[in-house]
């Protein structure tokens, strides 16, 4: 399965907190149907949404830019119409 992402956007906060290469790895995972660190029911919902043009949301963890010992959780959301995909911190929502 491959998900169309549309325009790729990222919030300033996630760009400041997460190294770009880790963001891009997560975007690739999201596009290929690997929903990251979500519960089983959310994975099932995303699998359904990928086939039925509904909104997708995945979650990932990365090493913080400013402190590799600290992990940062971030989300990737693709709109139902596949016009845009946004990478953001939960606090940006």
C-alpha atoms as a PDB file:
ATOM      1  CA  UNK A   1       0.000   0.000   0.000  1.00  0.00           C
ATOM      2  CA  UNK A   2       1.206   3.484  -0.854  1.00  0.00           C
ATOM      3  CA  UNK A   3      -0.601   6.596   0.387  1.00  0.00           C
ATOM      4  CA  UNK A   4      -0.638   9.813  -1.636  1.00  0.00           C
ATOM      5  CA  UNK A   5       0.588  12.575   0.645  1.00  0.00           C
ATOM      6  CA  UNK A   6      -0.239  15.724  -1.300  1.00  0.00           C
ATOM      7  CA  UNK A   7       1.625  18.822  -0.172  1.00  0.00           C
ATOM      8  CA  UNK A   8       4.063  18.049   2.651  1.00  0.00           C
ATOM      9  CA  UNK A   9       4.005  20.561   5.513  1.00  0.00           C
ATOM     10  CA  UNK A  10       5.753  20.737   8.885  1.00  0.00           C
ATOM     11  CA  UNK A  11       5.222  23.056  11.815  1.00  0.00           C
ATOM     12  CA  UNK A  12       8.088  25.246  13.014  1.00  0.00           C
ATOM     13  CA  UNK A  13       8.037  23.451  16.376  1.00  0.00           C
ATOM     14  CA  UNK A  14       8.597  19.983  14.899  1.00  0.00           C
ATOM     15  CA  UNK A  15      11.354  21.307  12.629  1.00  0.00           C
ATOM     16  CA  UNK A  16      13.069  22.759  15.688  1.00  0.00           C
ATOM     17  CA  UNK A  17      12.666  19.626  17.815  1.00  0.00           C
ATOM     18  CA  UNK A  18      13.243  16.704  15.420  1.00  0.00           C
ATOM     19  CA  UNK A  19      16.153  16.173  13.001  1.00  0.00           C
ATOM     20  CA  UNK A  20      15.036  16.440   9.381  1.00  0.00           C
ATOM     21  CA  UNK A  21      16.304  12.975   8.464  1.00  0.00           C
ATOM     22  CA  UNK A  22      14.143  11.416  11.197  1.00  0.00           C
ATOM     23  CA  UNK A  23      11.122  13.379   9.970  1.00  0.00           C
ATOM     24  CA  UNK A  24      11.688  12.146   6.413  1.00  0.00           C
ATOM     25  CA  UNK A  25      12.110   8.532   7.575  1.00  0.00           C
ATOM     26  CA  UNK A  26       8.789   8.787   9.401  1.00  0.00           C
ATOM     27  CA  UNK A  27       7.096  10.365   6.372  1.00  0.00           C
ATOM     28  CA  UNK A  28       8.282   7.444   4.252  1.00  0.00           C
ATOM     29  CA  UNK A  29       6.954   4.977   6.849  1.00  0.00           C
ATOM     30  CA  UNK A  30       3.611   6.806   6.928  1.00  0.00           C
ATOM     31  CA  UNK A  31       3.343   6.806   3.123  1.00  0.00           C
ATOM     32  CA  UNK A  32       4.008   3.068   3.021  1.00  0.00           C
ATOM     33  CA  UNK A  33       1.321   2.226   5.604  1.00  0.00           C
ATOM     34  CA  UNK A  34       3.510   1.869   8.700  1.00  0.00           C
ATOM     35  CA  UNK A  35       1.528   3.923  11.209  1.00  0.00           C
ATOM     36  CA  UNK A  36       4.241   3.952  13.859  1.00  0.00           C
ATOM     37  CA  UNK A  37       3.395   4.022  17.549  1.00  0.00           C
ATOM     38  CA  UNK A  38      -0.401   3.889  17.493  1.00  0.00           C
ATOM     39  CA  UNK A  39      -2.673   1.342  19.167  1.00  0.00           C
ATOM     40  CA  UNK A  40      -4.154  -1.604  17.298  1.00  0.00           C
ATOM     41  CA  UNK A  41      -7.551  -0.002  16.781  1.00  0.00           C
ATOM     42  CA  UNK A  42      -5.912   3.138  15.320  1.00  0.00           C
ATOM     43  CA  UNK A  43      -3.850   0.956  12.971  1.00  0.00           C
ATOM     44  CA  UNK A  44      -7.039  -0.734  11.819  1.00  0.00           C
ATOM     45  CA  UNK A  45      -8.755   2.628  11.355  1.00  0.00           C
ATOM     46  CA  UNK A  46      -5.791   3.901   9.314  1.00  0.00           C
ATOM     47  CA  UNK A  47      -5.750   0.773   7.154  1.00  0.00           C
ATOM     48  CA  UNK A  48      -9.443   1.325   6.424  1.00  0.00           C
ATOM     49  CA  UNK A  49      -8.909   5.075   5.865  1.00  0.00           C
ATOM     50  CA  UNK A  50      -6.073   4.461   3.400  1.00  0.00           C
ATOM     51  CA  UNK A  51      -8.461   2.520   1.158  1.00  0.00           C
ATOM     52  CA  UNK A  52     -11.487   4.754   1.695  1.00  0.00           C
ATOM     53  CA  UNK A  53     -10.075   8.261   1.398  1.00  0.00           C
ATOM     54  CA  UNK A  54     -10.412   9.190   5.050  1.00  0.00           C
ATOM     55  CA  UNK A  55      -8.019  11.081   7.313  1.00  0.00           C
ATOM     56  CA  UNK A  56      -4.838   9.271   8.405  1.00  0.00           C
ATOM     57  CA  UNK A  57      -2.862   9.893  11.582  1.00  0.00           C
ATOM     58  CA  UNK A  58       0.341   8.179  12.618  1.00  0.00           C
ATOM     59  CA  UNK A  59       2.693   8.732  15.558  1.00  0.00           C
ATOM     60  CA  UNK A  60       6.453   8.367  15.825  1.00  0.00           C
ATOM     61  CA  UNK A  61       9.257   8.976  18.290  1.00  0.00           C
ATOM     62  CA  UNK A  62      12.629  10.490  17.438  1.00  0.00           C
ATOM     63  CA  UNK A  63      15.725  11.613  19.256  1.00  0.00           C
ATOM     64  CA  UNK A  64      15.486  15.299  20.098  1.00  0.00           C
ATOM     65  CA  UNK A  65      17.706  17.656  18.098  1.00  0.00           C
ATOM     66  CA  UNK A  66      18.971  19.400  21.217  1.00  0.00           C
ATOM     67  CA  UNK A  67      19.377  16.270  23.392  1.00  0.00           C
ATOM     68  CA  UNK A  68      19.836  12.827  21.782  1.00  0.00           C
ATOM     69  CA  UNK A  69      19.032  11.216  25.135  1.00  0.00           C
ATOM     70  CA  UNK A  70      15.492  12.642  25.015  1.00  0.00           C
ATOM     71  CA  UNK A  71      12.734  11.350  22.770  1.00  0.00           C
ATOM     72  CA  UNK A  72      10.191  13.544  21.050  1.00  0.00           C
ATOM     73  CA  UNK A  73       6.794  12.263  19.975  1.00  0.00           C
ATOM     74  CA  UNK A  74       5.400  13.680  16.752  1.00  0.00           C
ATOM     75  CA  UNK A  75       2.429  13.053  14.514  1.00  0.00           C
ATOM     76  CA  UNK A  76       1.872  12.872  10.794  1.00  0.00           C
ATOM     77  CA  UNK A  77      -1.628  13.643   9.527  1.00  0.00           C
ATOM     78  CA  UNK A  78      -2.806  13.197   5.940  1.00  0.00           C
ATOM     79  CA  UNK A  79      -6.059  14.898   4.998  1.00  0.00           C
ATOM     80  CA  UNK A  80      -8.928  12.784   3.707  1.00  0.00           C
ATOM     81  CA  UNK A  81      -8.730  14.317   0.232  1.00  0.00           C
ATOM     82  CA  UNK A  82      -4.954  13.639   0.168  1.00  0.00           C
ATOM     83  CA  UNK A  83      -4.262  17.312  -0.574  1.00  0.00           C
ATOM     84  CA  UNK A  84      -1.786  17.710   2.284  1.00  0.00           C
ATOM     85  CA  UNK A  85       0.204  15.872   4.917  1.00  0.00           C
ATOM     86  CA  UNK A  86       1.355  17.718   8.012  1.00  0.00           C
ATOM     87  CA  UNK A  87       4.137  16.757  10.422  1.00  0.00           C
ATOM     88  CA  UNK A  88       3.592  18.278  13.871  1.00  0.00           C
ATOM     89  CA  UNK A  89       4.110  17.932  17.598  1.00  0.00           C
ATOM     90  CA  UNK A  90       1.041  16.953  19.630  1.00  0.00           C
ATOM     91  CA  UNK A  91       1.237  20.397  21.269  1.00  0.00           C
ATOM     92  CA  UNK A  92       0.804  21.988  17.808  1.00  0.00           C
ATOM     93  CA  UNK A  93      -2.622  20.372  17.352  1.00  0.00           C
END
